[in-house]
N, C-alpha and C. Protein backbone atom coordinates (compact mmCIF):
# COMPACT_ATOMS: atom_id res chain seq x y z
N UNK A 1 -41.55 98.75 77.43
CA UNK A 1 -39.75 97.52 77.27
C UNK A 1 -39.26 97.35 78.65
N UNK A 2 -38.91 96.30 78.55
CA UNK A 2 -38.06 95.95 79.99
C UNK A 2 -36.87 96.10 79.39
N UNK A 3 -36.05 96.77 80.36
CA UNK A 3 -34.30 97.33 80.21
C UNK A 3 -33.74 96.71 79.02
N UNK A 4 -33.81 94.54 79.21
CA UNK A 4 -33.04 94.60 78.07
C UNK A 4 -33.17 93.72 77.05
N UNK A 5 -34.88 94.11 76.92
CA UNK A 5 -35.94 93.46 75.36
C UNK A 5 -35.49 93.86 74.69
N UNK A 6 -35.18 93.27 73.34
CA UNK A 6 -35.15 94.13 72.09
C UNK A 6 -36.17 94.25 72.02
N UNK A 7 -37.64 93.35 72.22
CA UNK A 7 -38.49 94.00 71.39
C UNK A 7 -39.58 95.22 72.17
N UNK A 8 -40.80 96.01 72.16
CA UNK A 8 -41.29 96.41 73.17
C UNK A 8 -42.09 95.34 73.76
N UNK A 9 -42.80 95.39 74.89
CA UNK A 9 -43.43 93.99 75.96
C UNK A 9 -44.95 94.89 75.87
N UNK A 10 -46.14 94.62 75.35
CA UNK A 10 -46.90 95.34 74.77
C UNK A 10 -48.06 95.14 76.03
N UNK A 11 -49.15 95.61 76.41
CA UNK A 11 -50.06 95.04 77.41
C UNK A 11 -50.56 94.23 76.80
N UNK A 12 -51.59 93.57 77.76
CA UNK A 12 -52.66 92.87 77.15
C UNK A 12 -53.42 93.92 76.07
N UNK A 13 -53.61 94.72 76.73
CA UNK A 13 -55.56 95.27 75.85
C UNK A 13 -54.58 95.20 74.37
N UNK A 14 -53.39 95.62 74.11
CA UNK A 14 -53.00 95.94 72.71
C UNK A 14 -52.81 94.67 71.99
N UNK A 15 -52.13 93.22 72.58
CA UNK A 15 -52.42 92.13 72.21
C UNK A 15 -53.10 91.67 71.81
N UNK A 16 -54.24 91.80 72.70
CA UNK A 16 -55.85 91.01 72.45
C UNK A 16 -56.91 91.88 71.70
N UNK A 17 -57.29 92.85 71.13
CA UNK A 17 -57.86 93.72 69.92
C UNK A 17 -57.32 92.67 68.74
N UNK A 18 -56.43 92.32 68.77
CA UNK A 18 -56.28 91.52 67.53
C UNK A 18 -56.70 89.92 67.22
N UNK A 19 -57.09 89.53 68.30
CA UNK A 19 -57.97 88.01 68.17
C UNK A 19 -58.25 87.77 69.99
N UNK A 20 -59.10 88.25 70.43
CA UNK A 20 -59.60 88.49 71.82
C UNK A 20 -60.28 86.75 72.26
N UNK A 21 -60.49 86.19 71.45
CA UNK A 21 -61.03 85.05 71.73
C UNK A 21 -60.36 84.10 71.96
N UNK A 22 -59.25 83.89 71.21
CA UNK A 22 -57.53 83.30 71.68
C UNK A 22 -56.86 83.28 73.15
N UNK A 23 -57.22 85.34 73.96
CA UNK A 23 -56.32 85.21 74.61
C UNK A 23 -57.00 85.16 76.71
N UNK A 24 -58.97 84.26 76.60
CA UNK A 24 -58.90 84.27 77.28
C UNK A 24 -58.60 83.80 78.20
N UNK A 25 -57.62 82.40 78.34
CA UNK A 25 -56.94 82.12 79.26
C UNK A 25 -55.75 82.64 79.93
N UNK A 26 -55.25 83.12 79.49
CA UNK A 26 -53.73 83.41 79.12
C UNK A 26 -53.45 84.82 79.68
N UNK A 27 -53.26 85.32 80.98
CA UNK A 27 -52.50 86.27 81.75
C UNK A 27 -51.32 87.00 80.83
N UNK A 28 -51.21 87.22 80.01
CA UNK A 28 -50.55 87.92 78.90
C UNK A 28 -49.37 89.06 79.61
N UNK A 29 -49.85 89.62 80.43
CA UNK A 29 -49.70 90.91 81.22
C UNK A 29 -49.06 90.02 82.03
N UNK A 30 -48.43 89.07 82.72
CA UNK A 30 -47.95 87.94 83.44
C UNK A 30 -46.39 87.73 82.43
N UNK A 31 -46.54 87.35 81.30
CA UNK A 31 -45.25 86.86 80.82
C UNK A 31 -44.27 87.91 79.64
N UNK A 32 -43.63 87.78 80.48
CA UNK A 32 -42.77 89.03 79.49
C UNK A 32 -42.70 88.25 77.94
N UNK A 33 -42.37 86.74 77.84
CA UNK A 33 -42.28 85.96 76.24
C UNK A 33 -43.86 86.11 75.89
N UNK A 34 -44.95 86.32 76.26
CA UNK A 34 -46.18 86.22 75.52
C UNK A 34 -46.11 87.82 75.02
N UNK A 35 -46.24 88.31 76.25
CA UNK A 35 -45.94 90.02 75.95
C UNK A 35 -45.16 90.36 74.33
N UNK A 36 -43.72 89.86 74.43
CA UNK A 36 -42.92 89.92 73.36
C UNK A 36 -43.25 89.42 72.26
N UNK A 37 -44.12 88.37 72.18
CA UNK A 37 -44.62 87.88 70.84
C UNK A 37 -45.96 88.10 70.62
N UNK A 38 -46.34 89.15 71.47
CA UNK A 38 -47.65 90.02 71.03
C UNK A 38 -47.66 91.44 70.29
N UNK A 39 -46.42 91.56 70.24
CA UNK A 39 -45.72 92.48 68.57
C UNK A 39 -46.49 92.22 67.53
N UNK A 40 -46.67 90.91 67.50
CA UNK A 40 -47.57 89.98 66.49
C UNK A 40 -48.88 89.60 66.94
N UNK A 41 -50.11 89.95 67.29
CA UNK A 41 -50.60 89.18 67.48
C UNK A 41 -51.17 88.61 66.79
N UNK A 42 -51.32 87.79 65.15
CA UNK A 42 -51.97 87.24 65.00
C UNK A 42 -51.04 85.91 64.89
N UNK A 43 -49.88 85.85 64.49
CA UNK A 43 -49.01 84.97 64.80
C UNK A 43 -48.98 84.45 65.87
N UNK A 44 -48.83 85.40 66.81
CA UNK A 44 -48.92 85.23 68.27
C UNK A 44 -50.22 83.52 68.51
N UNK A 45 -51.40 84.46 67.94
CA UNK A 45 -52.20 83.75 68.14
C UNK A 45 -52.43 82.43 67.52
N UNK A 46 -51.92 82.43 66.43
CA UNK A 46 -51.76 81.21 65.71
C UNK A 46 -50.50 79.83 66.06
N UNK A 47 -49.99 80.17 66.76
CA UNK A 47 -48.80 79.85 67.68
C UNK A 47 -49.76 79.07 68.99
N UNK A 48 -50.31 79.98 69.73
CA UNK A 48 -50.96 79.74 70.43
C UNK A 48 -52.00 78.87 70.72
N UNK A 49 -52.89 78.55 69.20
CA UNK A 49 -53.66 77.45 68.92
C UNK A 49 -52.87 76.28 68.93
N UNK A 50 -51.89 76.40 68.06
CA UNK A 50 -50.18 75.23 67.97
C UNK A 50 -50.81 74.32 69.45
N UNK A 51 -50.00 75.29 69.84
CA UNK A 51 -49.47 75.05 71.53
C UNK A 51 -50.49 74.22 72.45
N UNK A 52 -51.90 75.12 71.89
CA UNK A 52 -53.54 73.79 72.51
C UNK A 52 -53.22 72.77 72.28
N UNK A 53 -53.02 72.39 70.80
CA UNK A 53 -53.17 71.01 70.17
C UNK A 53 -52.43 70.07 71.15
N UNK A 54 -50.95 70.77 71.00
CA UNK A 54 -49.88 69.77 71.56
C UNK A 54 -49.82 69.43 72.89
N UNK A 55 -50.53 70.64 73.82
CA UNK A 55 -50.83 70.44 75.30
C UNK A 55 -51.86 69.06 75.55
N UNK A 56 -52.50 68.91 74.75
CA UNK A 56 -54.17 67.95 74.81
C UNK A 56 -53.56 67.14 74.64
N UNK A 57 -53.06 66.68 73.48
CA UNK A 57 -52.31 65.58 73.19
C UNK A 57 -51.32 64.66 74.30
N UNK A 58 -50.69 65.26 75.43
CA UNK A 58 -50.30 64.45 76.29
C UNK A 58 -50.74 65.05 77.76
N UNK A 59 -50.39 64.09 78.40
CA UNK A 59 -50.70 64.03 80.17
C UNK A 59 -50.16 65.12 80.52
N UNK A 60 -50.14 65.89 81.54
CA UNK A 60 -49.43 67.45 82.24
C UNK A 60 -48.38 66.59 82.46
N UNK A 61 -48.29 65.67 83.06
CA UNK A 61 -47.21 64.80 83.27
C UNK A 61 -45.80 64.55 82.61
N UNK A 62 -46.51 64.09 81.61
CA UNK A 62 -45.12 64.09 80.62
C UNK A 62 -44.97 65.38 79.45
N UNK A 63 -46.03 66.19 79.72
CA UNK A 63 -45.85 67.37 79.31
C UNK A 63 -44.70 68.35 79.96
N UNK A 64 -45.04 67.69 81.25
CA UNK A 64 -43.91 68.89 81.85
C UNK A 64 -42.61 68.53 82.14
N UNK A 65 -42.16 67.02 82.08
CA UNK A 65 -40.94 66.31 82.18
C UNK A 65 -40.20 66.98 80.66
N UNK A 66 -41.12 67.01 79.52
CA UNK A 66 -40.38 67.06 77.80
C UNK A 66 -39.98 68.66 78.21
N UNK A 67 -40.59 69.29 78.89
CA UNK A 67 -40.03 70.91 78.96
C UNK A 67 -39.63 71.39 79.94
N UNK A 68 -39.48 70.60 80.88
CA UNK A 68 -38.12 70.97 81.66
C UNK A 68 -37.00 70.36 81.05
N UNK A 69 -36.97 68.87 80.44
CA UNK A 69 -35.79 68.41 79.95
C UNK A 69 -35.32 69.17 78.91
N UNK A 70 -36.21 69.45 78.21
CA UNK A 70 -35.43 70.83 76.76
C UNK A 70 -34.85 72.32 77.59
N UNK A 71 -35.84 72.46 78.69
CA UNK A 71 -35.11 73.70 78.87
C UNK A 71 -33.76 73.72 79.34
N UNK A 72 -34.50 72.47 80.50
CA UNK A 72 -32.46 72.24 80.97
C UNK A 72 -30.95 71.95 79.92
N UNK A 73 -31.80 71.46 79.16
CA UNK A 73 -30.48 71.10 77.70
C UNK A 73 -29.91 71.80 76.93
N UNK A 74 -31.30 73.29 77.18
CA UNK A 74 -30.73 74.57 76.14
C UNK A 74 -29.96 75.65 76.76
N UNK A 75 -29.87 75.15 78.54
CA UNK A 75 -30.39 75.81 79.41
C UNK A 75 -31.09 77.31 78.94
N UNK A 76 -32.19 76.91 79.27
CA UNK A 76 -33.17 78.06 79.04
C UNK A 76 -33.64 78.42 80.37
N UNK A 77 -33.13 79.43 80.75
CA UNK A 77 -33.48 80.11 82.41
C UNK A 77 -34.97 80.17 82.04
N UNK A 78 -35.20 81.13 81.36
CA UNK A 78 -36.75 81.70 81.59
C UNK A 78 -38.02 80.47 81.08
N UNK A 79 -37.83 79.36 80.08
CA UNK A 79 -38.79 77.97 80.10
C UNK A 79 -38.84 77.47 81.29
N UNK A 80 -37.22 77.58 82.24
CA UNK A 80 -37.56 76.53 83.03
C UNK A 80 -38.00 77.00 84.47
N UNK A 81 -37.66 78.30 84.51
CA UNK A 81 -38.61 78.84 85.79
C UNK A 81 -39.75 79.13 85.41
N UNK A 82 -40.48 79.21 84.09
CA UNK A 82 -42.23 79.52 84.26
C UNK A 82 -42.71 77.55 84.51
N UNK A 83 -41.87 77.05 83.95
CA UNK A 83 -42.45 75.40 84.22
C UNK A 83 -41.95 74.45 84.90
N UNK A 84 -41.26 75.38 86.00
CA UNK A 84 -40.77 74.13 87.82
C UNK A 84 -42.32 74.31 87.86
N UNK A 85 -42.67 75.91 88.04
CA UNK A 85 -43.96 76.33 88.34
C UNK A 85 -44.94 74.97 88.13
N UNK A 86 -44.95 74.81 86.56
CA UNK A 86 -46.24 74.52 85.82
C UNK A 86 -46.07 73.30 86.02
N UNK A 87 -44.86 72.19 86.49
CA UNK A 87 -44.65 71.15 86.96
C UNK A 87 -44.81 70.46 88.01
N UNK A 88 -44.77 71.62 88.99
CA UNK A 88 -45.51 70.86 90.42
C UNK A 88 -46.72 71.10 90.52
N UNK A 89 -47.65 71.55 89.36
CA UNK A 89 -48.88 71.65 89.11
C UNK A 89 -49.45 70.00 88.71
N UNK A 90 -48.94 69.77 87.54
CA UNK A 90 -48.79 68.18 86.93
C UNK A 90 -48.16 67.22 88.57
N UNK A 91 -47.79 67.71 89.31
CA UNK A 91 -47.64 66.50 90.07
C UNK A 91 -46.03 66.30 90.18
N UNK A 92 -45.36 66.48 89.70
CA UNK A 92 -44.02 66.45 89.46
C UNK A 92 -42.92 66.85 90.67
N UNK A 93 -42.64 65.75 91.44
CA UNK A 93 -41.93 66.36 92.61
C UNK A 93 -40.72 67.12 92.48
N UNK A 94 -40.28 67.40 93.79
CA UNK A 94 -39.26 68.65 93.85
C UNK A 94 -38.05 67.67 93.68
N UNK A 95 -38.20 66.48 94.09
CA UNK A 95 -36.22 65.49 93.56
C UNK A 95 -36.36 65.21 92.26
N UNK A 96 -37.55 65.25 91.35
CA UNK A 96 -37.72 65.09 90.26
C UNK A 96 -37.25 66.40 89.12
N UNK A 97 -37.77 67.65 89.51
CA UNK A 97 -37.33 68.27 89.60
C UNK A 97 -35.64 68.78 89.70
N UNK A 98 -35.21 69.17 90.69
CA UNK A 98 -33.96 69.05 90.96
C UNK A 98 -33.02 67.92 90.01
N UNK A 99 -33.65 66.67 90.09
CA UNK A 99 -32.35 65.67 89.08
C UNK A 99 -32.64 66.24 87.82
N UNK A 100 -33.32 66.55 87.02
CA UNK A 100 -33.52 67.18 86.18
C UNK A 100 -33.16 68.20 85.25
N UNK A 101 -32.87 69.34 86.90
CA UNK A 101 -32.08 70.59 86.93
C UNK A 101 -30.44 70.46 86.54
N UNK A 102 -30.18 68.84 87.61
CA UNK A 102 -28.43 68.67 87.35
C UNK A 102 -28.35 68.14 86.18
N UNK A 103 -28.89 67.64 85.66
CA UNK A 103 -28.58 66.86 84.16
C UNK A 103 -28.50 66.09 84.60
N UNK A 104 -29.21 65.36 85.22
CA UNK A 104 -29.25 63.64 86.02
C UNK A 104 -30.39 62.80 85.52
N UNK A 105 -30.31 61.57 85.79
CA UNK A 105 -31.73 60.71 85.59
C UNK A 105 -31.69 60.05 87.21
N UNK A 106 -30.79 60.02 87.21
CA UNK A 106 -30.46 58.83 88.71
C UNK A 106 -31.95 59.05 89.29
N UNK A 107 -32.44 58.14 89.72
CA UNK A 107 -33.82 57.94 90.99
C UNK A 107 -35.17 58.24 90.24
N UNK A 108 -35.13 58.99 88.92
CA UNK A 108 -36.13 58.87 88.30
C UNK A 108 -36.92 57.46 87.66
N UNK A 109 -37.86 57.68 87.54
CA UNK A 109 -38.80 56.52 87.64
C UNK A 109 -38.55 55.75 85.27
N UNK A 110 -38.69 55.01 85.58
CA UNK A 110 -38.04 54.36 83.83
C UNK A 110 -38.82 55.72 83.22
N UNK A 111 -40.04 55.51 82.76
CA UNK A 111 -40.61 56.74 81.84
C UNK A 111 -39.89 57.52 82.05
N UNK A 112 -39.91 58.29 83.06
CA UNK A 112 -39.23 59.54 83.20
C UNK A 112 -37.83 59.67 82.89
N UNK A 113 -37.10 58.55 83.02
CA UNK A 113 -35.54 58.93 83.01
C UNK A 113 -35.49 58.56 81.39
N UNK A 114 -36.48 57.94 80.52
CA UNK A 114 -36.72 57.65 79.67
C UNK A 114 -36.80 59.19 78.58
N UNK A 115 -37.73 59.23 78.83
CA UNK A 115 -37.87 60.23 78.33
C UNK A 115 -37.07 62.05 78.34
N UNK A 116 -36.47 62.25 79.31
CA UNK A 116 -35.77 63.32 79.47
C UNK A 116 -34.66 62.55 78.64
N UNK A 117 -33.80 61.57 79.08
CA UNK A 117 -33.02 61.07 78.13
C UNK A 117 -33.50 61.44 76.70
N UNK A 118 -34.51 61.02 76.24
CA UNK A 118 -34.56 60.76 75.02
C UNK A 118 -34.68 62.42 74.14
N UNK A 119 -35.67 63.21 75.23
CA UNK A 119 -35.31 65.10 75.17
C UNK A 119 -34.14 65.16 74.42
N UNK A 120 -33.16 65.46 75.68
CA UNK A 120 -32.25 65.47 75.70
C UNK A 120 -30.94 65.18 74.42
N UNK A 121 -30.94 63.78 73.94
CA UNK A 121 -31.04 64.02 73.06
C UNK A 121 -31.52 64.75 71.57
N UNK A 122 -32.82 64.44 71.50
CA UNK A 122 -33.46 65.28 70.69
C UNK A 122 -32.48 66.69 70.52
N UNK A 123 -33.10 67.46 71.42
CA UNK A 123 -32.42 68.88 71.36
C UNK A 123 -30.85 68.96 70.97
N UNK A 124 -30.24 67.78 70.95
CA UNK A 124 -28.48 68.67 70.64
C UNK A 124 -28.79 66.87 69.05
N UNK A 125 -29.60 66.33 68.66
CA UNK A 125 -29.47 66.50 67.28
C UNK A 125 -29.12 64.94 67.07
N UNK A 126 -29.33 64.61 68.18
CA UNK A 126 -28.49 63.65 68.71
C UNK A 126 -29.62 62.25 69.08
N UNK A 127 -30.72 61.84 68.38
CA UNK A 127 -31.33 60.65 69.23
C UNK A 127 -31.11 59.50 68.19
N UNK A 128 -30.58 58.88 68.46
CA UNK A 128 -29.93 57.44 68.39
C UNK A 128 -31.04 56.74 68.52
N UNK A 129 -31.50 55.08 68.13
CA UNK A 129 -32.13 53.93 68.13
C UNK A 129 -31.87 53.68 69.09
N UNK A 130 -31.05 53.68 70.12
CA UNK A 130 -31.30 52.93 71.30
C UNK A 130 -32.18 53.93 72.38
N UNK A 131 -32.01 55.20 72.26
CA UNK A 131 -32.85 56.43 73.00
C UNK A 131 -34.18 56.16 72.39
N UNK A 132 -34.41 56.14 71.04
CA UNK A 132 -35.69 55.50 70.55
C UNK A 132 -36.39 54.86 71.02
N UNK A 133 -35.89 53.88 70.95
CA UNK A 133 -36.59 52.53 71.53
C UNK A 133 -36.76 52.09 73.10
N UNK A 134 -35.79 53.11 73.63
CA UNK A 134 -36.37 53.22 74.81
C UNK A 134 -37.90 54.36 75.25
N UNK A 135 -37.44 55.23 74.73
CA UNK A 135 -38.62 56.18 74.94
C UNK A 135 -39.96 54.93 74.27
N UNK A 136 -39.79 54.19 73.23
CA UNK A 136 -40.40 53.69 72.95
C UNK A 136 -41.60 52.90 73.56
N UNK A 137 -40.66 52.34 74.71
CA UNK A 137 -41.13 51.17 75.72
C UNK A 137 -41.83 51.84 76.19
N UNK A 138 -41.97 53.05 76.42
CA UNK A 138 -42.97 53.74 77.22
C UNK A 138 -43.98 54.75 76.88
N UNK A 139 -43.75 54.76 75.72
CA UNK A 139 -44.52 55.66 74.85
C UNK A 139 -45.08 55.54 73.82
N UNK A 140 -46.27 55.28 73.17
CA UNK A 140 -47.09 55.16 71.74
C UNK A 140 -46.22 56.55 70.76
N UNK A 141 -46.57 55.74 69.66
CA UNK A 141 -45.94 56.56 68.66
C UNK A 141 -46.32 58.05 68.02
N UNK A 142 -47.65 57.69 68.81
CA UNK A 142 -48.72 59.46 68.83
C UNK A 142 -48.35 59.91 69.79
N UNK A 143 -47.51 59.78 71.07
CA UNK A 143 -46.86 60.50 71.70
C UNK A 143 -45.95 60.78 71.57
N UNK A 144 -45.03 59.77 71.09
CA UNK A 144 -43.58 60.18 70.51
C UNK A 144 -43.87 61.48 69.77
N UNK A 145 -44.66 61.46 68.41
CA UNK A 145 -44.60 62.44 67.49
C UNK A 145 -45.11 64.03 68.53
N UNK A 146 -45.93 63.90 69.25
CA UNK A 146 -46.17 64.81 70.23
C UNK A 146 -45.28 65.66 70.78
N UNK A 147 -44.55 64.57 71.62
CA UNK A 147 -43.71 64.89 72.31
C UNK A 147 -42.26 65.47 71.30
N UNK A 148 -41.77 65.14 70.50
CA UNK A 148 -40.97 65.83 69.47
C UNK A 148 -41.89 67.06 69.07
N UNK A 149 -42.85 67.40 68.78
CA UNK A 149 -43.24 68.95 68.31
C UNK A 149 -43.37 69.57 69.32
N UNK A 150 -43.66 69.11 70.72
CA UNK A 150 -43.37 70.17 71.54
C UNK A 150 -42.25 70.49 72.26
N UNK A 151 -41.30 69.47 71.94
CA UNK A 151 -39.80 70.22 71.80
C UNK A 151 -39.28 70.40 71.21
N UNK A 152 -39.75 70.56 70.01
CA UNK A 152 -39.64 71.42 68.65
C UNK A 152 -39.96 72.81 69.44
N UNK A 153 -41.08 72.91 69.67
CA UNK A 153 -42.19 74.66 69.83
C UNK A 153 -41.09 74.69 70.86
N UNK A 154 -40.60 73.82 72.04
CA UNK A 154 -40.14 75.07 72.99
C UNK A 154 -38.48 75.16 72.77
N UNK A 155 -38.07 75.08 72.06
CA UNK A 155 -36.12 75.20 71.41
C UNK A 155 -36.31 76.76 70.62
N UNK A 156 -37.61 76.61 69.58
CA UNK A 156 -38.00 77.02 69.17
C UNK A 156 -38.42 78.85 69.82
N UNK A 157 -38.72 78.43 71.14
CA UNK A 157 -39.22 79.68 71.96
C UNK A 157 -38.04 79.80 72.78
N UNK A 158 -37.08 78.87 72.78
CA UNK A 158 -36.09 79.33 73.55
C UNK A 158 -34.93 80.41 72.30
N UNK A 159 -35.20 79.81 71.33
CA UNK A 159 -34.17 80.50 70.31
C UNK A 159 -34.65 82.22 70.60
N UNK A 160 -36.23 82.57 70.68
CA UNK A 160 -37.18 83.17 70.16
C UNK A 160 -36.24 84.37 71.32
N UNK A 161 -36.42 83.53 72.51
CA UNK A 161 -36.31 84.28 73.95
C UNK A 161 -34.87 85.00 74.11
N UNK A 162 -33.97 84.21 73.66
CA UNK A 162 -32.40 84.37 73.61
C UNK A 162 -32.15 85.83 72.73
N UNK A 163 -33.02 85.60 71.28
CA UNK A 163 -33.02 86.40 70.23
C UNK A 163 -33.44 88.17 70.78
N UNK A 164 -34.63 87.72 71.93
CA UNK A 164 -35.15 89.03 71.77
C UNK A 164 -35.27 89.16 73.40
N UNK A 165 -34.09 88.56 73.94
CA UNK A 165 -33.24 89.28 75.36
C UNK A 165 -34.57 89.09 75.96
N UNK A 166 -35.50 88.01 76.58
CA UNK A 166 -36.37 88.35 77.33
C UNK A 166 -36.15 87.23 78.78
N UNK A 167 -36.68 88.67 78.84
CA UNK A 167 -35.82 87.90 80.95
C UNK A 167 -37.19 87.47 82.02
N UNK A 168 -36.76 86.36 82.73
CA UNK A 168 -37.96 85.87 83.79
C UNK A 168 -38.82 86.96 84.44
N UNK A 169 -39.76 87.57 85.04
CA UNK A 169 -40.60 87.90 85.60
C UNK A 169 -39.66 88.08 86.93
N UNK A 170 -39.59 87.50 87.73
CA UNK A 170 -39.33 87.35 88.79
C UNK A 170 -38.32 86.78 88.65
N UNK A 171 -37.28 86.45 89.85
CA UNK A 171 -35.92 86.24 89.99
C UNK A 171 -35.86 84.75 89.80
N UNK A 172 -34.70 84.50 88.89
CA UNK A 172 -34.64 83.16 88.73
C UNK A 172 -34.49 81.76 89.89
N UNK A 173 -35.24 80.70 89.93
CA UNK A 173 -35.79 79.63 91.22
C UNK A 173 -34.76 78.72 90.96
N UNK A 174 -33.29 78.64 89.88
CA UNK A 174 -32.24 77.78 89.77
C UNK A 174 -32.67 76.68 89.55
N UNK A 175 -31.42 76.38 88.58
CA UNK A 175 -31.45 74.75 88.79
C UNK A 175 -32.05 73.46 89.48
N UNK A 176 -31.64 73.99 90.86
CA UNK A 176 -32.09 72.58 91.61
C UNK A 176 -33.36 73.44 92.73
N UNK A 177 -34.27 73.94 92.15
CA UNK A 177 -34.89 74.52 93.07
C UNK A 177 -35.41 74.28 95.10
N UNK A 178 -35.58 74.78 95.52
CA UNK A 178 -35.96 74.02 97.15
C UNK A 178 -37.51 74.66 97.12
N UNK A 179 -38.04 73.72 98.33
CA UNK A 179 -39.52 74.07 98.79
C UNK A 179 -39.79 75.70 99.01
N UNK A 180 -39.07 76.72 99.25
CA UNK A 180 -38.46 77.78 99.59
C UNK A 180 -38.71 78.72 98.15
N UNK A 181 -38.05 78.50 97.60
CA UNK A 181 -38.09 78.79 96.57
C UNK A 181 -39.00 79.07 95.43
N UNK A 182 -40.48 77.77 95.63
CA UNK A 182 -41.25 77.68 95.03
C UNK A 182 -42.38 78.06 95.95
N UNK A 183 -42.17 78.41 96.66
CA UNK A 183 -43.80 79.39 97.49
C UNK A 183 -43.96 80.70 96.85
N UNK A 184 -45.03 80.30 96.29
CA UNK A 184 -45.97 82.16 95.76
C UNK A 184 -45.98 83.06 97.11
N UNK A 185 -45.80 82.58 98.29
CA UNK A 185 -46.26 83.66 98.77
C UNK A 185 -44.63 84.52 99.12
N UNK A 186 -43.88 83.94 98.66
CA UNK A 186 -42.46 84.49 99.07
C UNK A 186 -42.04 85.66 97.88
């Protein structure tokens, strides 16, 4: 168990025994949240199947914008820390990431600004007709449904992280990371 975690963080061999095929592509030992969820391998396996469907429903850029916006809206340092790196791999610029980290939308492309605004409102349970219509000008209904369900997943994961007191595996990159913060060789 990590010093502050409220549940054990089993290694992958313990978790994989329950559903080996589902864990082929996930480096469980590298992710504290995955290890914490691994205390119930069957539920965790089902959650991963659901998440795979959500991930497949959206382009990586859209997915990572939504996750970062949700993580920032919730103050979820763990998911922010994980997904800053994923966002870079999906092609998001450092400037875009830093803007979301500051809680702004200035300088974002119209679709990104609409999405970030929508996700923040969603996390606050305050989506207005105006925010919905603005997002709707950039995203089809099936995409908005996928975005909303993806954000719901990350809201739930954030609550899980807080309840189980799961901490990032490495030093938090910060809400406004620099290129140096994102250098994997450091």
